[in-house]
Amino acid sequence: MASHYESDITQFIKQYKQQHPDAEQKQREGRARLWDRPQDPELLEGFKQAKVPQRPYVYQND
């Protein structure tokens, strides 16, 4: 196989990035809006304490 082969997907992504230079910045902003949020340690501790242990076989009726 030739070392300069690029798949159709790779070619599409490169072409898209050339046509839309701000796409990566918008992607980072979207990630920051949805995922990169400050965490509340007290709230997380409450979630850990409220967790119910799962049985080994969840479909068995006791």
PDB file of N, CA and C in Angstrom:
ATOM      1  N   MET A   1       0.842  -1.179   0.000  1.00  0.00           N
ATOM      2  CA  MET A   1       0.000   0.000   0.000  1.00  0.00           C
ATOM      3  C   MET A   1       0.887   1.242   0.000  1.00  0.00           C
ATOM      4  N   ALA A   2       0.462   2.229  -0.709  1.00  0.00           N
ATOM      5  CA  ALA A   2       1.227   3.469  -0.786  1.00  0.00           C
ATOM      6  C   ALA A   2       1.130   4.232   0.525  1.00  0.00           C
ATOM      7  N   SER A   3       2.196   4.906   0.896  1.00  0.00           N
ATOM      8  CA  SER A   3       2.219   5.624   2.170  1.00  0.00           C
ATOM      9  C   SER A   3       1.476   6.959   2.104  1.00  0.00           C
ATOM     10  N   HIS A   4       1.096   7.399   0.940  1.00  0.00           N
ATOM     11  CA  HIS A   4       0.413   8.687   0.812  1.00  0.00           C
ATOM     12  C   HIS A   4      -1.099   8.541   0.651  1.00  0.00           C
ATOM     13  N   TYR A   5      -1.632   7.372   0.915  1.00  0.00           N
ATOM     14  CA  TYR A   5      -3.067   7.135   0.790  1.00  0.00           C
ATOM     15  C   TYR A   5      -3.825   7.868   1.897  1.00  0.00           C
ATOM     16  N   GLU A   6      -4.934   8.497   1.530  1.00  0.00           N
ATOM     17  CA  GLU A   6      -5.842   9.116   2.485  1.00  0.00           C
ATOM     18  C   GLU A   6      -7.252   8.644   2.183  1.00  0.00           C
ATOM     19  N   SER A   7      -7.956   8.259   3.194  1.00  0.00           N
ATOM     20  CA  SER A   7      -9.330   7.792   2.994  1.00  0.00           C
ATOM     21  C   SER A   7     -10.221   8.960   2.576  1.00  0.00           C
ATOM     22  N   ASP A   8     -11.404   8.606   2.097  1.00  0.00           N
ATOM     23  CA  ASP A   8     -12.367   9.630   1.693  1.00  0.00           C
ATOM     24  C   ASP A   8     -12.776  10.494   2.879  1.00  0.00           C
ATOM     25  N   ILE A   9     -12.882   9.878   4.032  1.00  0.00           N
ATOM     26  CA  ILE A   9     -13.271  10.628   5.232  1.00  0.00           C
ATOM     27  C   ILE A   9     -12.205  11.654   5.595  1.00  0.00           C
ATOM     28  N   THR A  10     -10.925  11.234   5.556  1.00  0.00           N
ATOM     29  CA  THR A  10      -9.825  12.148   5.875  1.00  0.00           C
ATOM     30  C   THR A  10      -9.798  13.302   4.880  1.00  0.00           C
ATOM     31  N   GLN A  11      -9.987  13.013   3.633  1.00  0.00           N
ATOM     32  CA  GLN A  11     -10.009  14.068   2.618  1.00  0.00           C
ATOM     33  C   GLN A  11     -11.170  15.021   2.857  1.00  0.00           C
ATOM     34  N   PHE A  12     -12.335  14.473   3.212  1.00  0.00           N
ATOM     35  CA  PHE A  12     -13.496  15.317   3.488  1.00  0.00           C
ATOM     36  C   PHE A  12     -13.228  16.241   4.666  1.00  0.00           C
ATOM     37  N   ILE A  13     -12.656  15.682   5.753  1.00  0.00           N
ATOM     38  CA  ILE A  13     -12.392  16.494   6.949  1.00  0.00           C
ATOM     39  C   ILE A  13     -11.393  17.604   6.638  1.00  0.00           C
ATOM     40  N   LYS A  14     -10.336  17.289   5.907  1.00  0.00           N
ATOM     41  CA  LYS A  14      -9.357  18.327   5.549  1.00  0.00           C
ATOM     42  C   LYS A  14     -10.001  19.413   4.694  1.00  0.00           C
ATOM     43  N   GLN A  15     -10.825  19.004   3.732  1.00  0.00           N
ATOM     44  CA  GLN A  15     -11.498  19.978   2.872  1.00  0.00           C
ATOM     45  C   GLN A  15     -12.473  20.829   3.690  1.00  0.00           C
ATOM     46  N   TYR A  16     -13.195  20.194   4.610  1.00  0.00           N
ATOM     47  CA  TYR A  16     -14.145  20.923   5.447  1.00  0.00           C
ATOM     48  C   TYR A  16     -13.423  21.952   6.318  1.00  0.00           C
ATOM     49  N   LYS A  17     -12.284  21.558   6.899  1.00  0.00           N
ATOM     50  CA  LYS A  17     -11.526  22.483   7.744  1.00  0.00           C
ATOM     51  C   LYS A  17     -10.984  23.657   6.944  1.00  0.00           C
ATOM     52  N   GLN A  18     -10.631  23.432   5.682  1.00  0.00           N
ATOM     53  CA  GLN A  18     -10.168  24.537   4.842  1.00  0.00           C
ATOM     54  C   GLN A  18     -11.310  25.496   4.527  1.00  0.00           C
ATOM     55  N   GLN A  19     -12.502  24.943   4.298  1.00  0.00           N
ATOM     56  CA  GLN A  19     -13.648  25.784   3.955  1.00  0.00           C
ATOM     57  C   GLN A  19     -14.269  26.456   5.181  1.00  0.00           C
ATOM     58  N   HIS A  20     -14.091  25.847   6.341  1.00  0.00           N
ATOM     59  CA  HIS A  20     -14.655  26.375   7.586  1.00  0.00           C
ATOM     60  C   HIS A  20     -13.549  26.463   8.639  1.00  0.00           C
ATOM     61  N   PRO A  21     -12.707  27.480   8.580  1.00  0.00           N
ATOM     62  CA  PRO A  21     -11.578  27.561   9.518  1.00  0.00           C
ATOM     63  C   PRO A  21     -11.993  27.744  10.981  1.00  0.00           C
ATOM     64  N   ASP A  22     -13.208  28.191  11.231  1.00  0.00           N
ATOM     65  CA  ASP A  22     -13.653  28.402  12.612  1.00  0.00           C
ATOM     66  C   ASP A  22     -14.349  27.177  13.213  1.00  0.00           C
ATOM     67  N   ALA A  23     -14.392  26.071  12.499  1.00  0.00           N
ATOM     68  CA  ALA A  23     -15.119  24.884  12.966  1.00  0.00           C
ATOM     69  C   ALA A  23     -14.525  24.326  14.252  1.00  0.00           C
ATOM     70  N   GLU A  24     -13.215  24.248  14.365  1.00  0.00           N
ATOM     71  CA  GLU A  24     -12.600  23.698  15.566  1.00  0.00           C
ATOM     72  C   GLU A  24     -12.860  24.588  16.785  1.00  0.00           C
ATOM     73  N   GLN A  25     -12.839  25.898  16.598  1.00  0.00           N
ATOM     74  CA  GLN A  25     -13.115  26.807  17.708  1.00  0.00           C
ATOM     75  C   GLN A  25     -14.558  26.653  18.182  1.00  0.00           C
ATOM     76  N   LYS A  26     -15.490  26.514  17.240  1.00  0.00           N
ATOM     77  CA  LYS A  26     -16.886  26.302  17.623  1.00  0.00           C
ATOM     78  C   LYS A  26     -17.060  24.970  18.345  1.00  0.00           C
ATOM     79  N   GLN A  27     -16.312  23.973  17.921  1.00  0.00           N
ATOM     80  CA  GLN A  27     -16.373  22.673  18.574  1.00  0.00           C
ATOM     81  C   GLN A  27     -15.880  22.778  20.018  1.00  0.00           C
ATOM     82  N   ARG A  28     -14.788  23.510  20.233  1.00  0.00           N
ATOM     83  CA  ARG A  28     -14.277  23.697  21.592  1.00  0.00           C
ATOM     84  C   ARG A  28     -15.270  24.464  22.460  1.00  0.00           C
ATOM     85  N   GLU A  29     -15.920  25.474  21.886  1.00  0.00           N
ATOM     86  CA  GLU A  29     -16.904  26.247  22.643  1.00  0.00           C
ATOM     87  C   GLU A  29     -18.098  25.381  23.025  1.00  0.00           C
ATOM     88  N   GLY A  30     -18.537  24.525  22.116  1.00  0.00           N
ATOM     89  CA  GLY A  30     -19.643  23.630  22.409  1.00  0.00           C
ATOM     90  C   GLY A  30     -19.290  22.645  23.501  1.00  0.00           C
ATOM     91  N   ARG A  31     -18.068  22.130  23.464  1.00  0.00           N
ATOM     92  CA  ARG A  31     -17.641  21.205  24.513  1.00  0.00           C
ATOM     93  C   ARG A  31     -17.590  21.924  25.849  1.00  0.00           C
ATOM     94  N   ALA A  32     -17.074  23.125  25.876  1.00  0.00           N
ATOM     95  CA  ALA A  32     -16.980  23.877  27.124  1.00  0.00           C
ATOM     96  C   ALA A  32     -18.370  24.164  27.682  1.00  0.00           C
ATOM     97  N   ARG A  33     -19.313  24.431  26.799  1.00  0.00           N
ATOM     98  CA  ARG A  33     -20.667  24.742  27.235  1.00  0.00           C
ATOM     99  C   ARG A  33     -21.344  23.517  27.846  1.00  0.00           C
ATOM    100  N   LEU A  34     -21.086  22.335  27.281  1.00  0.00           N
ATOM    101  CA  LEU A  34     -21.798  21.146  27.727  1.00  0.00           C
ATOM    102  C   LEU A  34     -21.053  20.313  28.761  1.00  0.00           C
ATOM    103  N   TRP A  35     -19.729  20.235  28.677  1.00  0.00           N
ATOM    104  CA  TRP A  35     -18.997  19.262  29.481  1.00  0.00           C
ATOM    105  C   TRP A  35     -18.019  19.868  30.475  1.00  0.00           C
ATOM    106  N   ASP A  36     -17.325  20.911  30.127  1.00  0.00           N
ATOM    107  CA  ASP A  36     -16.281  21.460  30.986  1.00  0.00           C
ATOM    108  C   ASP A  36     -16.899  22.407  32.011  1.00  0.00           C
ATOM    109  N   ARG A  37     -17.512  21.824  33.018  1.00  0.00           N
ATOM    110  CA  ARG A  37     -18.180  22.609  34.039  1.00  0.00           C
ATOM    111  C   ARG A  37     -17.500  22.395  35.389  1.00  0.00           C
ATOM    112  N   PRO A  38     -17.526  23.406  36.245  1.00  0.00           N
ATOM    113  CA  PRO A  38     -16.952  23.222  37.579  1.00  0.00           C
ATOM    114  C   PRO A  38     -17.777  22.203  38.371  1.00  0.00           C
ATOM    115  N   GLN A  39     -17.078  21.398  39.151  1.00  0.00           N
ATOM    116  CA  GLN A  39     -17.729  20.351  39.926  1.00  0.00           C
ATOM    117  C   GLN A  39     -17.896  20.796  41.378  1.00  0.00           C
ATOM    118  N   ASP A  40     -19.011  20.435  41.975  1.00  0.00           N
ATOM    119  CA  ASP A  40     -19.292  20.735  43.376  1.00  0.00           C
ATOM    120  C   ASP A  40     -18.937  19.501  44.205  1.00  0.00           C
ATOM    121  N   PRO A  41     -17.857  19.535  44.984  1.00  0.00           N
ATOM    122  CA  PRO A  41     -17.435  18.346  45.747  1.00  0.00           C
ATOM    123  C   PRO A  41     -18.486  17.849  46.737  1.00  0.00           C
ATOM    124  N   GLU A  42     -19.210  18.753  47.355  1.00  0.00           N
ATOM    125  CA  GLU A  42     -20.235  18.338  48.319  1.00  0.00           C
ATOM    126  C   GLU A  42     -21.373  17.597  47.624  1.00  0.00           C
ATOM    127  N   LEU A  43     -21.778  18.075  46.475  1.00  0.00           N
ATOM    128  CA  LEU A  43     -22.838  17.418  45.720  1.00  0.00           C
ATOM    129  C   LEU A  43     -22.386  16.038  45.248  1.00  0.00           C
ATOM    130  N   LEU A  44     -21.151  15.928  44.777  1.00  0.00           N
ATOM    131  CA  LEU A  44     -20.624  14.641  44.339  1.00  0.00           C
ATOM    132  C   LEU A  44     -20.544  13.650  45.502  1.00  0.00           C
ATOM    133  N   GLU A  45     -20.168  14.123  46.667  1.00  0.00           N
ATOM    134  CA  GLU A  45     -20.106  13.252  47.844  1.00  0.00           C
ATOM    135  C   GLU A  45     -21.499  12.752  48.205  1.00  0.00           C
ATOM    136  N   GLY A  46     -22.488  13.615  48.091  1.00  0.00           N
ATOM    137  CA  GLY A  46     -23.869  13.202  48.340  1.00  0.00           C
ATOM    138  C   GLY A  46     -24.323  12.132  47.362  1.00  0.00           C
ATOM    139  N   PHE A  47     -23.945  12.264  46.106  1.00  0.00           N
ATOM    140  CA  PHE A  47     -24.278  11.245  45.111  1.00  0.00           C
ATOM    141  C   PHE A  47     -23.634   9.909  45.455  1.00  0.00           C
ATOM    142  N   LYS A  48     -22.391   9.938  45.897  1.00  0.00           N
ATOM    143  CA  LYS A  48     -21.689   8.704  46.260  1.00  0.00           C
ATOM    144  C   LYS A  48     -22.370   8.022  47.448  1.00  0.00           C
ATOM    145  N   GLN A  49     -22.785   8.798  48.429  1.00  0.00           N
ATOM    146  CA  GLN A  49     -23.424   8.231  49.613  1.00  0.00           C
ATOM    147  C   GLN A  49     -24.809   7.676  49.299  1.00  0.00           C
ATOM    148  N   ALA A  50     -25.499   8.256  48.341  1.00  0.00           N
ATOM    149  CA  ALA A  50     -26.853   7.827  48.001  1.00  0.00           C
ATOM    150  C   ALA A  50     -26.870   6.640  47.045  1.00  0.00           C
ATOM    151  N   LYS A  51     -25.729   6.224  46.556  1.00  0.00           N
ATOM    152  CA  LYS A  51     -25.669   5.138  45.575  1.00  0.00           C
ATOM    153  C   LYS A  51     -26.074   3.813  46.223  1.00  0.00           C
ATOM    154  N   VAL A  52     -26.928   3.078  45.539  1.00  0.00           N
ATOM    155  CA  VAL A  52     -27.390   1.783  46.012  1.00  0.00           C
ATOM    156  C   VAL A  52     -26.550   0.706  45.343  1.00  0.00           C
ATOM    157  N   PRO A  53     -25.996  -0.238  46.111  1.00  0.00           N
ATOM    158  CA  PRO A  53     -25.166  -1.265  45.496  1.00  0.00           C
ATOM    159  C   PRO A  53     -25.997  -2.177  44.581  1.00  0.00           C
ATOM    160  N   GLN A  54     -25.424  -2.527  43.460  1.00  0.00           N
ATOM    161  CA  GLN A  54     -26.110  -3.372  42.497  1.00  0.00           C
ATOM    162  C   GLN A  54     -25.904  -4.845  42.854  1.00  0.00           C
ATOM    163  N   ARG A  55     -26.964  -5.637  42.738  1.00  0.00           N
ATOM    164  CA  ARG A  55     -26.865  -7.074  42.990  1.00  0.00           C
ATOM    165  C   ARG A  55     -26.039  -7.732  41.888  1.00  0.00           C
ATOM    166  N   PRO A  56     -25.440  -8.889  42.171  1.00  0.00           N
ATOM    167  CA  PRO A  56     -24.621  -9.554  41.153  1.00  0.00           C
ATOM    168  C   PRO A  56     -25.409  -9.919  39.900  1.00  0.00           C
ATOM    169  N   TYR A  57     -26.657 -10.355  40.078  1.00  0.00           N
ATOM    170  CA  TYR A  57     -27.477 -10.691  38.917  1.00  0.00           C
ATOM    171  C   TYR A  57     -28.732  -9.846  39.017  1.00  0.00           C
ATOM    172  N   VAL A  58     -28.830  -8.820  38.211  1.00  0.00           N
ATOM    173  CA  VAL A  58     -29.868  -7.811  38.380  1.00  0.00           C
ATOM    174  C   VAL A  58     -31.266  -8.305  38.001  1.00  0.00           C
ATOM    175  N   TYR A  59     -31.373  -9.367  37.230  1.00  0.00           N
ATOM    176  CA  TYR A  59     -32.679  -9.827  36.785  1.00  0.00           C
ATOM    177  C   TYR A  59     -33.298 -10.877  37.709  1.00  0.00           C
ATOM    178  N   GLN A  60     -32.609 -11.248  38.767  1.00  0.00           N
ATOM    179  CA  GLN A  60     -33.126 -12.254  39.700  1.00  0.00           C
ATOM    180  C   GLN A  60     -34.061 -11.591  40.697  1.00  0.00           C
ATOM    181  N   ASN A  61     -35.243 -12.164  40.845  1.00  0.00           N
ATOM    182  CA  ASN A  61     -36.204 -11.651  41.812  1.00  0.00           C
ATOM    183  C   ASN A  61     -35.940 -12.299  43.160  1.00  0.00           C
ATOM    184  N   ASP A  62     -35.873 -11.498  44.187  1.00  0.00           N
ATOM    185  CA  ASP A  62     -35.667 -12.044  45.539  1.00  0.00           C
ATOM    186  C   ASP A  62     -36.945 -12.074  46.310  1.00  0.00           C
TER     187      ASP A  62
END
